[in-house]
Structure formats: structure tokens, C-alpha cells
Amino acid sequence: MAGQGKKPHLSGYNYGAISSLVLTADRSALPRRNKEPNGAPTSLVGRVNPRDMGSHVQCETPKDLEKKKKKASDGQDASEKQPAKRKTQATGFGYTDIIEATQDVEGLTY
């Protein structure tokens, strides 16, 4: 292992000597791209007819409409079969509202 301490000889790789050797590609044969968008806003006058907006829309019914209708009607029938919910009993010693409950307390003194 006699060559471990030596640095490699790189003097032939300096920028001044190599920069003149860089070749550029011949772009004359490549097609031009003049019609690419450049980001500037463009007007649609003359290209779009406002009457045609939405002309390609197609109205379709859902695929399983009959199933959904049947399921919805079954749900309504089931709710009609269930008995009506009982009214909740008034809690708080038989009073139905706060005013009625406080009328007895107004005259009390401690």
C-alpha cells in the first residue's frame, strides 16, 4: 500500500482547460413550440358560444332508484306501525313549567 499518502494528479481537470470543450446540442431540427400557453389571460370571445354551455349534460336517474324508493317506503310503513311515543311526564313534583313551580315559593320568608 505504497500509494495511500499521494493525492491523485488533477491538474488536467481545471475549468479553464475544459470549458471550451463543452458542446451544445443542434436545436435547429427540433420542432418549435410557439402555441404553448405563457400564463397570460386570453379572451374566449369568438371561441365559446354562451348558448352551448351545458348542452352536453345528460339527465339520468340513479341506477337503483326503485330499491331506494322501496326502502324509503318500508321505513315509513315501519314508523307508522310503531306506537306513538308517550308524552314525558312532568318531573319536579307535578309542575309543568317553572312559573307554576315558583308561585308557591314567592311568599316564603326564612
C-alpha atoms as a PDB file:
ATOM      1  CA  MET A   1       0.000   0.000   0.000  1.00  0.00           C
ATOM      2  CA  ALA A   2       2.541   2.460  -1.102  1.00  0.00           C
ATOM      3  CA  GLY A   3       0.142   4.935  -2.798  1.00  0.00           C
ATOM      4  CA  GLN A   4      -2.076   5.853   0.154  1.00  0.00           C
ATOM      5  CA  GLY A   5      -0.461   9.163   1.024  1.00  0.00           C
ATOM      6  CA  LYS A   6      -0.291  10.529  -2.525  1.00  0.00           C
ATOM      7  CA  LYS A   7      -3.013  12.787  -3.943  1.00  0.00           C
ATOM      8  CA  PRO A   8      -4.252  11.989  -7.440  1.00  0.00           C
ATOM      9  CA  HIS A   9      -2.976  14.250 -10.232  1.00  0.00           C
ATOM     10  CA  LEU A  10      -5.983  16.500 -11.151  1.00  0.00           C
ATOM     11  CA  SER A  11      -4.291  19.397 -12.913  1.00  0.00           C
ATOM     12  CA  GLY A  12      -5.726  18.309 -16.250  1.00  0.00           C
ATOM     13  CA  TYR A  13      -9.276  18.890 -14.910  1.00  0.00           C
ATOM     14  CA  ASN A  14      -9.229  22.660 -14.279  1.00  0.00           C
ATOM     15  CA  TYR A  15     -12.189  24.726 -15.520  1.00  0.00           C
ATOM     16  CA  GLY A  16     -10.253  26.909 -17.970  1.00  0.00           C
ATOM     17  CA  ALA A  17      -8.998  23.938 -19.942  1.00  0.00           C
ATOM     18  CA  ILE A  18     -12.307  22.046 -20.079  1.00  0.00           C
ATOM     19  CA  SER A  19     -14.839  24.886 -20.539  1.00  0.00           C
ATOM     20  CA  SER A  20     -14.031  25.352 -24.211  1.00  0.00           C
ATOM     21  CA  LEU A  21     -14.667  21.652 -24.887  1.00  0.00           C
ATOM     22  CA  VAL A  22     -18.397  21.749 -23.914  1.00  0.00           C
ATOM     23  CA  LEU A  23     -20.620  21.089 -26.931  1.00  0.00           C
ATOM     24  CA  THR A  24     -24.142  22.431 -27.409  1.00  0.00           C
ATOM     25  CA  ALA A  25     -26.949  20.426 -28.997  1.00  0.00           C
ATOM     26  CA  ASP A  26     -28.115  21.302 -32.501  1.00  0.00           C
ATOM     27  CA  ARG A  27     -31.656  22.571 -31.906  1.00  0.00           C
ATOM     28  CA  SER A  28     -32.423  23.568 -35.467  1.00  0.00           C
ATOM     29  CA  ALA A  29     -34.025  20.183 -36.203  1.00  0.00           C
ATOM     30  CA  LEU A  30     -36.290  20.280 -33.134  1.00  0.00           C
ATOM     31  CA  PRO A  31     -39.877  21.462 -33.685  1.00  0.00           C
ATOM     32  CA  ARG A  32     -40.802  24.896 -32.361  1.00  0.00           C
ATOM     33  CA  ARG A  33     -43.422  25.188 -29.663  1.00  0.00           C
ATOM     34  CA  ASN A  34     -44.983  28.560 -30.398  1.00  0.00           C
ATOM     35  CA  LYS A  35     -48.513  27.710 -29.263  1.00  0.00           C
ATOM     36  CA  GLU A  36     -47.684  26.883 -25.666  1.00  0.00           C
ATOM     37  CA  PRO A  37     -49.532  28.922 -23.058  1.00  0.00           C
ATOM     38  CA  ASN A  38     -47.414  31.562 -21.406  1.00  0.00           C
ATOM     39  CA  GLY A  39     -49.674  32.231 -18.429  1.00  0.00           C
ATOM     40  CA  ALA A  40     -51.195  35.445 -19.748  1.00  0.00           C
ATOM     41  CA  PRO A  41     -55.014  35.572 -19.640  1.00  0.00           C
ATOM     42  CA  THR A  42     -56.674  35.168 -23.024  1.00  0.00           C
ATOM     43  CA  SER A  43     -60.180  36.030 -24.118  1.00  0.00           C
ATOM     44  CA  LEU A  44     -62.679  33.379 -25.138  1.00  0.00           C
ATOM     45  CA  VAL A  45     -64.617  35.757 -27.415  1.00  0.00           C
ATOM     46  CA  GLY A  46     -65.399  34.010 -30.664  1.00  0.00           C
ATOM     47  CA  ARG A  47     -64.296  30.597 -29.387  1.00  0.00           C
ATOM     48  CA  VAL A  48     -67.120  29.850 -26.953  1.00  0.00           C
ATOM     49  CA  ASN A  49     -70.823  30.297 -27.562  1.00  0.00           C
ATOM     50  CA  PRO A  50     -72.650  31.024 -24.271  1.00  0.00           C
ATOM     51  CA  ARG A  51     -75.745  29.210 -25.567  1.00  0.00           C
ATOM     52  CA  ASP A  52     -73.776  25.977 -25.771  1.00  0.00           C
ATOM     53  CA  MET A  53     -72.948  25.990 -22.056  1.00  0.00           C
ATOM     54  CA  GLY A  54     -74.369  22.806 -20.555  1.00  0.00           C
ATOM     55  CA  SER A  55     -75.551  21.409 -23.869  1.00  0.00           C
ATOM     56  CA  HIS A  56     -73.740  18.105 -23.306  1.00  0.00           C
ATOM     57  CA  VAL A  57     -75.374  17.426 -19.937  1.00  0.00           C
ATOM     58  CA  GLN A  58     -77.359  14.203 -19.828  1.00  0.00           C
ATOM     59  CA  CYS A  59     -80.077  13.640 -17.263  1.00  0.00           C
ATOM     60  CA  GLU A  60     -80.022  10.158 -15.792  1.00  0.00           C
ATOM     61  CA  THR A  61     -81.900   8.527 -12.991  1.00  0.00           C
ATOM     62  CA  PRO A  62     -79.961   6.680 -10.309  1.00  0.00           C
ATOM     63  CA  LYS A  63     -79.324   3.017 -11.136  1.00  0.00           C
ATOM     64  CA  ASP A  64     -81.064   1.617  -8.082  1.00  0.00           C
ATOM     65  CA  LEU A  65     -83.870   4.164  -7.780  1.00  0.00           C
ATOM     66  CA  GLU A  66     -86.561   1.518  -7.320  1.00  0.00           C
ATOM     67  CA  LYS A  67     -84.631  -0.089  -4.447  1.00  0.00           C
ATOM     68  CA  LYS A  68     -84.249   3.274  -2.736  1.00  0.00           C
ATOM     69  CA  LYS A  69     -87.941   4.094  -3.155  1.00  0.00           C
ATOM     70  CA  LYS A  70     -88.924   0.700  -1.760  1.00  0.00           C
ATOM     71  CA  LYS A  71     -86.567   1.073   1.181  1.00  0.00           C
ATOM     72  CA  ALA A  72     -87.870   4.575   1.938  1.00  0.00           C
ATOM     73  CA  SER A  73     -91.492   3.445   1.781  1.00  0.00           C
ATOM     74  CA  ASP A  74     -90.702   0.455   4.025  1.00  0.00           C
ATOM     75  CA  GLY A  75     -89.154   2.827   6.527  1.00  0.00           C
ATOM     76  CA  GLN A  76     -92.269   4.994   6.544  1.00  0.00           C
ATOM     77  CA  ASP A  77     -94.524   1.977   6.983  1.00  0.00           C
ATOM     78  CA  ALA A  78     -92.449   0.804   9.919  1.00  0.00           C
ATOM     79  CA  SER A  79     -92.671   4.194  11.581  1.00  0.00           C
ATOM     80  CA  GLU A  80     -96.457   4.209  11.167  1.00  0.00           C
ATOM     81  CA  LYS A  81     -96.711   0.766  12.787  1.00  0.00           C
ATOM     82  CA  GLN A  82     -94.777   1.828  15.870  1.00  0.00           C
ATOM     83  CA  PRO A  83     -96.930   3.227  18.635  1.00  0.00           C
ATOM     84  CA  ALA A  84     -96.679   6.937  19.241  1.00  0.00           C
ATOM     85  CA  LYS A  85     -94.188   7.868  21.897  1.00  0.00           C
ATOM     86  CA  ARG A  86     -95.678   8.620  25.255  1.00  0.00           C
ATOM     87  CA  LYS A  87     -95.516  12.190  26.375  1.00  0.00           C
ATOM     88  CA  THR A  88     -92.889  12.631  29.008  1.00  0.00           C
ATOM     89  CA  GLN A  89     -94.255  13.009  32.449  1.00  0.00           C
ATOM     90  CA  ALA A  90     -93.589  16.322  34.075  1.00  0.00           C
ATOM     91  CA  THR A  91     -90.927  15.952  36.712  1.00  0.00           C
ATOM     92  CA  GLY A  92     -90.412  18.194  39.669  1.00  0.00           C
ATOM     93  CA  PHE A  93     -93.364  17.438  41.919  1.00  0.00           C
ATOM     94  CA  GLY A  94     -96.014  17.626  39.218  1.00  0.00           C
ATOM     95  CA  TYR A  95     -95.279  21.107  37.908  1.00  0.00           C
ATOM     96  CA  THR A  96     -95.295  21.615  34.158  1.00  0.00           C
ATOM     97  CA  ASP A  97     -93.289  24.840  33.952  1.00  0.00           C
ATOM     98  CA  ILE A  98     -91.030  26.977  36.117  1.00  0.00           C
ATOM     99  CA  ILE A  99     -93.546  29.749  36.696  1.00  0.00           C
ATOM    100  CA  GLU A 100     -96.059  27.369  38.198  1.00  0.00           C
ATOM    101  CA  ALA A 101     -93.367  25.838  40.389  1.00  0.00           C
ATOM    102  CA  THR A 102     -92.195  29.194  41.776  1.00  0.00           C
ATOM    103  CA  GLN A 103     -95.648  30.590  42.622  1.00  0.00           C
ATOM    104  CA  ASP A 104     -95.710  28.626  45.856  1.00  0.00           C
ATOM    105  CA  VAL A 105     -92.241  29.872  46.822  1.00  0.00           C
ATOM    106  CA  GLU A 106     -92.819  33.617  46.340  1.00  0.00           C
ATOM    107  CA  GLY A 107     -94.350  34.282  49.718  1.00  0.00           C
ATOM    108  CA  LEU A 108     -91.881  32.272  51.822  1.00  0.00           C
ATOM    109  CA  THR A 109     -89.533  34.063  54.193  1.00  0.00           C
ATOM    110  CA  TYR A 110     -86.768  32.433  56.206  1.00  0.00           C
END
